[in-house]
Amino acid sequence: MERREFLFVSGSLAVTPLVRRAAFDARRSNVELTPHATRRTQGPTLGPTVFAQRIQRAQDELKTRKLDLLVVEPSTNFQYFTSYNPGRSERLILLMIPANGTPVVVCPSFEVERIKRNTTISDARGWEEQEDPWLLVAKAAQQMKPPGRTGEVAVEPTTSYQSYVRLTTKLRGWIPRDGTAVTERLRIIKRAEEIALIRQAIAATEASIAATFSQLAVGMTERDVAQLLSREMASRGSPGGGLVQFGPSSALPHGGPSAGQLTRETVVLIDAGSRVEGYTSDITRTIWFGDAPSDEFKKVYNIVHDAQTAAIENAKPNLTQCQEVDRAARKVIRDAGYGQYFTHRLGHGMGMDGHEPPYMVEGNTTHLEPGIVFTDEPGIYQLGKFGVRIEDDCMMTSNGVEVLSHRPAKL
């Protein structure tokens, strides 16, 4: 059953029947309004087998693209392959995945034990403080180099410029290549264990947004509500936060906290995400705070809802391009006379990063394959008045789009 999230709330939240009805509707669909971290369904802990499979798929991808080595500094991709992100500093830490053989992490000697304890990489090679770490990298690369020819090394796309320069000057017999295609291909299709964690993050975010809406009161600031939202997420074991925007502020797609206080008969927009074991959610809800929404708000809200529906219904597995779902939603808003007020792309991929490929935007011809998780978030933003955005998290399946979150109803 689709959850009917409340859209009108009163300033006197403790006694209003509208809020009580919202709480009942949320409970009926198993969305919590009270914080109980212990009630969050425990997800699949990603064990060594998952990361061994990821390394193997990386090696297969390297061979397919005729590449010999992938190098990765601490980053989301480092965590994707090893289960841990040690963070970057002036001291080099580098993951090296050869097309054949065992991966290696080069790190400061005093970090070897931390790397072994927290990652799935058993071969951690330490360099001393007075040494040039790139000499150790070059030695490891020489052992991984294909015999009798120049090697081709795929460089992870967020690698620092300083590291790239050292890589090209210290590694003899290697040609650097852009590794973006390798890492994107591996991460763009989500596996079952990843989808399970994304679902948990979505559930925690939905419950936290609903709980936050139920506690709105006249006089609160955007910052007050944002802090409340973060507490609700933390209480569910899924840390995160989000944008909170009142009234005219909601017309800024990425507006920051303003000094204004919440008043009755106004728009409240919350765009939020939280994490479970490294996987995120991204959900936006726009409500009317007061007794009854204006006719204009209802009209705009329903147009945005229809645009979101059009994107979902027009997406076909392996056939529809990312730009085509953007076009489907944009056409609804343009035909309704609000085209100039939809000022951003329709959505983006989602997984370990809140925003990641593929992007639902004009010009992106990537086809939506089963296993791709993405957001569907059309919006209409009228400066000086209000904005409406509805964002839900979706997954392409072999049968079409599955909405992983619970879409709110039209007004």
Protein backbone atom coordinates (compact mmCIF):
# COMPACT_ATOMS: atom_id res chain seq x y z
CA MET A 1 0.00 0.00 0.00
CA GLU A 2 1.37 3.41 -0.91
CA ARG A 3 1.99 5.61 2.10
CA ARG A 4 -0.17 8.74 2.12
CA GLU A 5 2.22 11.25 3.60
CA PHE A 6 0.52 14.26 5.16
CA LEU A 7 0.76 17.53 3.28
CA PHE A 8 -1.00 19.99 5.57
CA VAL A 9 0.14 20.44 9.16
CA SER A 10 -1.00 22.83 11.82
CA GLY A 11 1.15 25.07 13.97
CA SER A 12 -0.37 23.51 17.10
CA LEU A 13 0.98 20.05 16.44
CA ALA A 14 0.19 18.42 19.75
CA VAL A 15 -3.57 18.64 19.34
CA THR A 16 -4.43 18.93 15.66
CA PRO A 17 -6.31 16.00 14.13
CA LEU A 18 -4.44 16.44 10.85
CA VAL A 19 -1.16 15.59 12.54
CA ARG A 20 -2.72 12.65 14.39
CA ARG A 21 -4.02 11.35 11.06
CA ALA A 22 -0.56 11.74 9.55
CA ALA A 23 0.97 9.75 12.38
CA PHE A 24 -1.65 7.02 11.91
CA ASP A 25 -1.00 6.86 8.16
CA ALA A 26 2.74 6.64 8.73
CA ARG A 27 2.38 3.85 11.29
CA ARG A 28 0.02 1.98 9.00
CA SER A 29 2.76 1.84 6.36
CA ASN A 30 5.50 0.95 8.89
CA VAL A 31 7.09 4.41 8.82
CA GLU A 32 8.14 5.38 12.34
CA LEU A 33 7.42 8.82 13.74
CA THR A 34 9.31 8.24 17.00
CA PRO A 35 13.06 7.65 17.20
CA HIS A 36 14.07 4.09 17.99
CA ALA A 37 17.41 3.17 16.52
CA THR A 38 17.06 -0.41 17.67
CA ARG A 39 14.00 -0.83 15.49
CA ARG A 40 15.91 -0.23 12.27
CA THR A 41 16.09 -3.48 10.34
CA GLN A 42 19.68 -4.67 10.39
CA GLY A 43 21.06 -4.94 6.89
CA PRO A 44 23.51 -7.32 5.34
CA THR A 45 26.98 -6.60 6.65
CA LEU A 46 29.26 -6.52 3.64
CA GLY A 47 31.72 -9.34 4.25
CA PRO A 48 35.03 -10.36 2.63
CA THR A 49 33.29 -12.34 -0.12
CA VAL A 50 31.59 -9.20 -1.45
CA PHE A 51 34.89 -7.33 -1.70
CA ALA A 52 36.70 -10.31 -3.22
CA GLN A 53 34.03 -10.36 -5.92
CA ARG A 54 34.46 -6.63 -6.50
CA ILE A 55 38.21 -7.05 -6.94
CA GLN A 56 37.60 -9.88 -9.39
CA ARG A 57 35.12 -7.81 -11.37
CA ALA A 58 37.62 -4.95 -11.43
CA GLN A 59 40.26 -7.29 -12.82
CA ASP A 60 37.83 -8.60 -15.43
CA GLU A 61 36.98 -5.02 -16.42
CA LEU A 62 40.66 -4.14 -16.72
CA LYS A 63 41.24 -7.11 -19.04
CA THR A 64 38.19 -6.22 -21.14
CA ARG A 65 39.56 -2.71 -21.64
CA LYS A 66 43.12 -3.96 -22.20
CA LEU A 67 44.40 -2.26 -19.07
CA ASP A 68 46.95 -3.76 -16.71
CA LEU A 69 46.58 -1.93 -13.41
CA LEU A 70 44.13 0.28 -11.50
CA VAL A 71 45.43 2.70 -8.86
CA VAL A 72 43.10 4.26 -6.28
CA GLU A 73 43.78 6.83 -3.55
CA PRO A 74 41.51 6.93 -0.46
CA SER A 75 38.04 7.78 -1.77
CA THR A 76 34.61 6.26 -2.22
CA ASN A 77 36.11 3.93 -4.80
CA PHE A 78 38.82 2.88 -2.32
CA GLN A 79 36.07 1.97 0.13
CA TYR A 80 34.08 0.20 -2.60
CA PHE A 81 36.99 -2.18 -3.24
CA THR A 82 38.35 -2.59 0.29
CA SER A 83 35.45 -1.87 2.74
CA TYR A 84 37.27 1.14 4.24
CA ASN A 85 38.24 4.72 3.43
CA PRO A 86 41.29 5.73 5.51
CA GLY A 87 41.12 9.33 4.26
CA ARG A 88 43.72 11.40 2.44
CA SER A 89 46.55 13.39 3.94
CA GLU A 90 50.04 14.50 2.93
CA ARG A 91 51.12 10.87 3.44
CA LEU A 92 50.47 8.62 0.44
CA ILE A 93 48.09 5.68 0.70
CA LEU A 94 47.50 3.91 -2.62
CA LEU A 95 45.52 0.83 -3.61
CA MET A 96 46.97 -1.04 -6.60
CA ILE A 97 44.76 -3.63 -8.34
CA PRO A 98 46.57 -5.53 -11.11
CA ALA A 99 44.67 -7.20 -13.93
CA ASN A 100 46.28 -10.43 -12.74
CA GLY A 101 47.45 -11.20 -9.25
CA THR A 102 46.89 -9.89 -5.74
CA PRO A 103 46.04 -6.26 -4.91
CA VAL A 104 48.45 -4.22 -2.81
CA VAL A 105 48.08 -1.18 -0.57
CA VAL A 106 51.11 1.08 -0.20
CA CYS A 107 50.89 3.14 2.98
CA PRO A 108 53.00 4.63 5.79
CA SER A 109 54.56 1.88 7.92
CA PHE A 110 52.69 3.01 11.02
CA GLU A 111 49.41 2.63 9.07
CA VAL A 112 49.99 -0.98 7.98
CA GLU A 113 48.17 -2.47 10.95
CA ARG A 114 45.20 -0.09 10.55
CA ILE A 115 44.90 -0.98 6.86
CA LYS A 116 45.04 -4.71 7.59
CA ARG A 117 42.46 -4.47 10.36
CA ASN A 118 39.96 -2.34 8.45
CA THR A 119 40.27 -3.44 4.84
CA THR A 120 40.09 -6.75 3.03
CA ILE A 121 43.58 -6.25 1.55
CA SER A 122 46.16 -8.50 3.19
CA ASP A 123 49.23 -7.21 1.31
CA ALA A 124 49.93 -3.81 2.88
CA ARG A 125 53.45 -2.48 2.22
CA GLY A 126 54.76 0.27 4.46
CA TRP A 127 57.14 3.12 3.73
CA GLU A 128 59.11 4.97 6.39
CA GLU A 129 58.72 8.68 7.05
CA GLN A 130 62.10 9.57 5.58
CA GLU A 131 61.49 7.57 2.39
CA ASP A 132 59.92 8.46 -0.96
CA PRO A 133 56.70 6.41 -1.06
CA TRP A 134 56.64 6.46 -4.84
CA LEU A 135 59.74 4.30 -4.94
CA LEU A 136 57.74 1.61 -3.16
CA VAL A 137 54.85 2.16 -5.58
CA ALA A 138 57.25 1.84 -8.54
CA LYS A 139 58.67 -1.39 -7.13
CA ALA A 140 55.18 -2.89 -6.69
CA ALA A 141 54.19 -1.72 -10.18
CA GLN A 142 57.25 -3.36 -11.68
CA GLN A 143 56.14 -6.68 -10.18
CA MET A 144 52.69 -6.18 -11.72
CA LYS A 145 53.90 -5.04 -15.14
CA PRO A 146 53.16 -7.30 -18.11
CA PRO A 147 56.41 -8.82 -19.44
CA GLY A 148 57.86 -7.55 -22.70
CA ARG A 149 55.68 -4.48 -23.19
CA THR A 150 54.61 -1.15 -21.78
CA GLY A 151 51.87 -1.38 -19.14
CA GLU A 152 48.71 0.70 -19.09
CA VAL A 153 47.59 1.98 -15.70
CA ALA A 154 44.03 3.19 -15.10
CA VAL A 155 44.01 6.18 -12.74
CA GLU A 156 40.94 6.53 -10.51
CA PRO A 157 39.17 9.78 -11.46
CA THR A 158 39.44 11.60 -8.12
CA THR A 159 43.20 11.08 -7.86
CA SER A 160 44.99 14.26 -6.76
CA TYR A 161 47.00 16.16 -9.32
CA GLN A 162 50.09 15.83 -7.15
CA SER A 163 49.76 12.04 -7.12
CA TYR A 164 49.14 11.95 -10.86
CA VAL A 165 52.36 13.87 -11.48
CA ARG A 166 54.34 11.50 -9.24
CA LEU A 167 52.72 8.52 -10.96
CA THR A 168 53.77 9.69 -14.42
CA THR A 169 57.32 10.57 -13.40
CA LYS A 170 58.14 7.70 -11.05
CA LEU A 171 56.57 4.72 -12.84
CA ARG A 172 58.74 3.85 -15.82
CA GLY A 173 57.26 1.68 -18.54
CA TRP A 174 53.66 2.61 -17.73
CA ILE A 175 51.17 4.73 -19.70
CA PRO A 176 48.50 6.46 -17.59
CA ARG A 177 44.87 6.15 -18.69
CA ASP A 178 41.66 7.64 -17.36
CA GLY A 179 40.12 5.03 -15.04
CA THR A 180 36.67 6.63 -14.93
CA ALA A 181 35.10 4.09 -17.28
CA VAL A 182 36.38 1.22 -15.13
CA THR A 183 35.05 2.43 -11.79
CA GLU A 184 31.78 3.80 -13.19
CA ARG A 185 30.98 0.54 -14.95
CA LEU A 186 31.55 -1.45 -11.77
CA ARG A 187 29.46 0.81 -9.53
CA ILE A 188 26.62 1.84 -11.83
CA ILE A 189 24.85 -1.54 -11.60
CA LYS A 190 23.87 -2.19 -7.99
CA ARG A 191 24.05 -5.71 -6.58
CA ALA A 192 21.44 -7.22 -4.25
CA GLU A 193 23.40 -6.42 -1.08
CA GLU A 194 23.78 -2.79 -2.17
CA ILE A 195 20.09 -2.40 -2.95
CA ALA A 196 19.19 -3.84 0.46
CA LEU A 197 21.30 -1.18 2.18
CA ILE A 198 19.87 1.60 0.01
CA ARG A 199 16.36 0.45 0.98
CA GLN A 200 17.28 0.70 4.65
CA ALA A 201 18.69 4.20 4.19
CA ILE A 202 15.49 5.20 2.40
CA ALA A 203 13.30 3.82 5.18
CA ALA A 204 15.27 5.70 7.84
CA THR A 205 15.11 8.93 5.82
CA GLU A 206 11.37 8.67 5.20
CA ALA A 207 10.70 8.01 8.87
CA SER A 208 12.95 10.89 9.91
CA ILE A 209 11.30 13.35 7.52
CA ALA A 210 7.84 12.32 8.71
CA ALA A 211 8.89 12.66 12.35
CA THR A 212 10.37 16.08 11.65
CA PHE A 213 7.23 17.32 9.91
CA SER A 214 5.15 16.16 12.88
CA GLN A 215 7.18 18.41 15.21
CA LEU A 216 7.05 21.63 13.19
CA ALA A 217 5.95 24.66 15.19
CA VAL A 218 5.56 28.37 14.57
CA GLY A 219 8.75 30.26 15.37
CA MET A 220 11.20 27.49 14.49
CA THR A 221 14.03 28.43 12.14
CA GLU A 222 15.29 26.45 9.17
CA ARG A 223 18.40 25.65 11.17
CA ASP A 224 16.28 24.39 14.09
CA VAL A 225 14.41 22.02 11.81
CA ALA A 226 17.60 20.85 10.09
CA GLN A 227 19.10 19.97 13.47
CA LEU A 228 15.92 18.14 14.45
CA LEU A 229 16.06 16.19 11.18
CA SER A 230 19.66 15.13 11.83
CA ARG A 231 18.77 13.97 15.34
CA GLU A 232 15.90 11.89 14.00
CA MET A 233 18.23 10.21 11.51
CA ALA A 234 20.91 9.54 14.10
CA SER A 235 18.33 8.01 16.43
CA ARG A 236 17.56 5.45 13.72
CA GLY A 237 21.18 4.47 13.28
CA SER A 238 21.37 6.15 9.88
CA PRO A 239 23.32 9.42 10.17
CA GLY A 240 22.58 12.20 7.73
CA GLY A 241 20.85 15.53 7.29
CA GLY A 242 19.40 17.80 4.69
CA LEU A 243 18.17 21.13 3.41
CA VAL A 244 15.21 22.77 5.14
CA GLN A 245 13.56 25.70 3.40
CA PHE A 246 10.50 27.80 4.34
CA GLY A 247 8.29 29.88 2.06
CA PRO A 248 10.18 31.92 -0.58
CA SER A 249 13.40 30.12 0.42
CA SER A 250 11.94 26.92 -1.08
CA ALA A 251 12.28 28.52 -4.54
CA LEU A 252 16.09 28.14 -4.28
CA PRO A 253 16.92 24.58 -5.36
CA HIS A 254 19.99 24.48 -3.11
CA GLY A 255 19.19 27.22 -0.63
CA GLY A 256 21.00 27.39 2.71
CA PRO A 257 19.53 28.11 6.15
CA SER A 258 17.96 31.57 6.39
CA ALA A 259 17.25 33.65 9.45
CA GLY A 260 13.48 33.62 8.98
CA GLN A 261 11.12 31.87 11.36
CA LEU A 262 8.34 29.48 10.44
CA THR A 263 4.88 31.02 10.11
CA ARG A 264 1.53 29.48 9.32
CA GLU A 265 0.12 29.05 5.81
CA THR A 266 3.45 28.57 4.10
CA VAL A 267 5.52 26.01 2.21
CA VAL A 268 8.12 23.81 3.90
CA LEU A 269 10.59 21.83 1.76
CA ILE A 270 12.95 19.18 3.15
CA ASP A 271 15.59 17.54 0.95
CA ALA A 272 17.35 14.85 2.98
CA GLY A 273 19.54 11.78 2.86
CA SER A 274 21.05 9.36 5.36
CA ARG A 275 23.49 6.45 5.26
CA VAL A 276 23.53 2.77 6.13
CA GLU A 277 26.89 0.97 5.83
CA GLY A 278 28.10 3.53 3.31
CA TYR A 279 24.97 3.58 1.14
CA THR A 280 22.75 6.61 0.93
CA SER A 281 19.24 7.84 0.17
CA ASP A 282 18.03 11.14 -1.29
CA ILE A 283 14.41 12.20 -0.78
CA THR A 284 12.61 15.54 -1.03
CA ARG A 285 9.19 16.33 0.35
CA THR A 286 7.31 19.63 0.05
CA ILE A 287 4.34 20.31 2.34
CA TRP A 288 1.98 23.11 3.24
CA PHE A 289 2.27 24.19 6.88
CA GLY A 290 -1.11 25.46 7.95
CA ASP A 291 -4.82 24.78 7.66
CA ALA A 292 -5.31 24.62 3.90
CA PRO A 293 -2.94 24.98 0.95
CA SER A 294 -3.46 27.74 -1.55
CA ASP A 295 -4.96 26.87 -4.92
CA GLU A 296 -1.69 27.82 -6.62
CA PHE A 297 0.31 25.51 -4.37
CA LYS A 298 -2.01 22.60 -5.12
CA LYS A 299 -1.81 23.29 -8.85
CA VAL A 300 1.98 23.46 -8.91
CA TYR A 301 2.35 20.46 -6.62
CA ASN A 302 0.19 18.29 -8.84
CA ILE A 303 2.05 19.36 -11.99
CA VAL A 304 5.35 18.34 -10.38
CA HIS A 305 3.79 15.03 -9.30
CA ASP A 306 2.58 14.38 -12.85
CA ALA A 307 6.04 15.16 -14.20
CA GLN A 308 7.57 12.63 -11.84
CA THR A 309 5.01 10.04 -12.92
CA ALA A 310 5.77 10.68 -16.60
CA ALA A 311 9.46 9.95 -16.04
CA ILE A 312 8.66 6.69 -14.26
CA GLU A 313 6.14 5.47 -16.81
CA ASN A 314 8.25 6.32 -19.86
CA ALA A 315 11.41 4.52 -18.71
CA LYS A 316 11.97 1.09 -20.26
CA PRO A 317 14.89 -1.20 -19.33
CA ASN A 318 17.85 -1.18 -21.73
CA LEU A 319 15.92 1.03 -24.17
CA THR A 320 15.39 4.40 -22.50
CA GLN A 321 18.25 6.89 -22.38
CA CYS A 322 18.82 9.04 -19.32
CA GLN A 323 18.03 12.17 -21.32
CA GLU A 324 14.66 10.72 -22.32
CA VAL A 325 13.34 10.49 -18.74
CA ASP A 326 14.41 14.10 -18.24
CA ARG A 327 12.53 15.04 -21.42
CA ALA A 328 9.37 13.17 -20.34
CA ALA A 329 9.16 15.02 -17.03
CA ARG A 330 10.17 18.38 -18.52
CA LYS A 331 7.46 18.14 -21.19
CA VAL A 332 4.74 17.91 -18.53
CA ILE A 333 6.01 21.01 -16.75
CA ARG A 334 6.58 22.92 -20.00
CA ASP A 335 3.10 22.06 -21.34
CA ALA A 336 1.60 23.35 -18.09
CA GLY A 337 3.28 26.71 -18.68
CA TYR A 338 5.99 26.41 -16.03
CA GLY A 339 8.93 25.30 -18.18
CA GLN A 340 11.13 28.27 -17.26
CA TYR A 341 10.83 27.36 -13.57
CA PHE A 342 12.28 23.83 -13.88
CA THR A 343 15.90 24.84 -13.68
CA HIS A 344 17.89 21.65 -13.03
CA ARG A 345 18.27 18.11 -14.38
CA LEU A 346 15.67 15.52 -13.48
CA GLY A 347 17.92 13.40 -11.30
CA HIS A 348 21.11 11.48 -10.74
CA GLY A 349 22.45 8.07 -9.90
CA MET A 350 22.68 7.12 -6.25
CA GLY A 351 24.61 4.59 -4.21
CA MET A 352 27.70 5.14 -2.07
CA ASP A 353 27.74 8.77 -3.23
CA GLY A 354 24.60 10.87 -2.95
CA HIS A 355 25.21 12.07 -6.51
CA GLU A 356 26.89 9.66 -8.90
CA PRO A 357 26.49 8.49 -12.51
CA PRO A 358 24.30 8.22 -14.42
CA TYR A 359 22.74 11.68 -14.59
CA MET A 360 19.20 12.20 -15.88
CA VAL A 361 20.01 15.18 -18.08
CA GLU A 362 19.75 16.29 -21.68
CA GLY A 363 22.68 14.97 -23.67
CA ASN A 364 23.23 11.81 -21.61
CA THR A 365 22.59 8.87 -23.94
CA THR A 366 23.38 6.21 -21.32
CA HIS A 367 20.67 3.55 -21.33
CA LEU A 368 18.91 2.69 -18.09
CA GLU A 369 19.89 -0.91 -17.38
CA PRO A 370 18.42 -3.15 -14.67
CA GLY A 371 20.24 -2.46 -11.42
CA ILE A 372 20.69 1.28 -11.95
CA VAL A 373 19.42 3.30 -8.99
CA PHE A 374 18.52 6.94 -9.63
CA THR A 375 16.48 9.85 -8.32
CA ASP A 376 13.40 11.30 -9.99
CA GLU A 377 13.12 14.88 -8.70
CA PRO A 378 11.33 17.42 -10.89
CA GLY A 379 10.70 20.84 -9.45
CA ILE A 380 9.08 24.20 -10.10
CA TYR A 381 10.77 27.22 -8.48
CA GLN A 382 9.10 30.65 -8.59
CA LEU A 383 11.45 33.20 -7.05
CA GLY A 384 9.80 35.42 -4.47
CA LYS A 385 6.90 32.98 -4.05
CA PHE A 386 7.69 29.32 -3.37
CA GLY A 387 9.18 26.18 -4.84
CA VAL A 388 7.95 22.60 -5.06
CA ARG A 389 10.19 19.57 -5.50
CA ILE A 390 9.20 15.94 -5.11
CA GLU A 391 12.12 13.51 -5.08
CA ASP A 392 11.90 9.75 -4.91
CA ASP A 393 14.52 7.04 -5.26
CA CYS A 394 14.00 4.59 -8.13
CA MET A 395 15.58 1.47 -9.54
CA MET A 396 15.40 0.15 -13.06
CA THR A 397 14.40 -3.52 -13.16
CA SER A 398 13.86 -5.94 -16.01
CA ASN A 399 10.16 -5.01 -15.86
CA GLY A 400 10.50 -1.24 -15.62
CA VAL A 401 11.03 1.31 -12.85
CA GLU A 402 10.52 0.29 -9.24
CA VAL A 403 10.09 3.21 -6.85
CA LEU A 404 12.09 2.29 -3.75
CA SER A 405 10.68 5.10 -1.62
CA HIS A 406 6.99 5.78 -0.95
CA ARG A 407 5.64 8.45 -3.28
CA PRO A 408 3.30 10.96 -1.67
CA ALA A 409 -0.19 11.31 -3.14
CA LYS A 410 -1.39 14.16 -5.33
CA LEU A 411 -3.40 16.90 -3.67
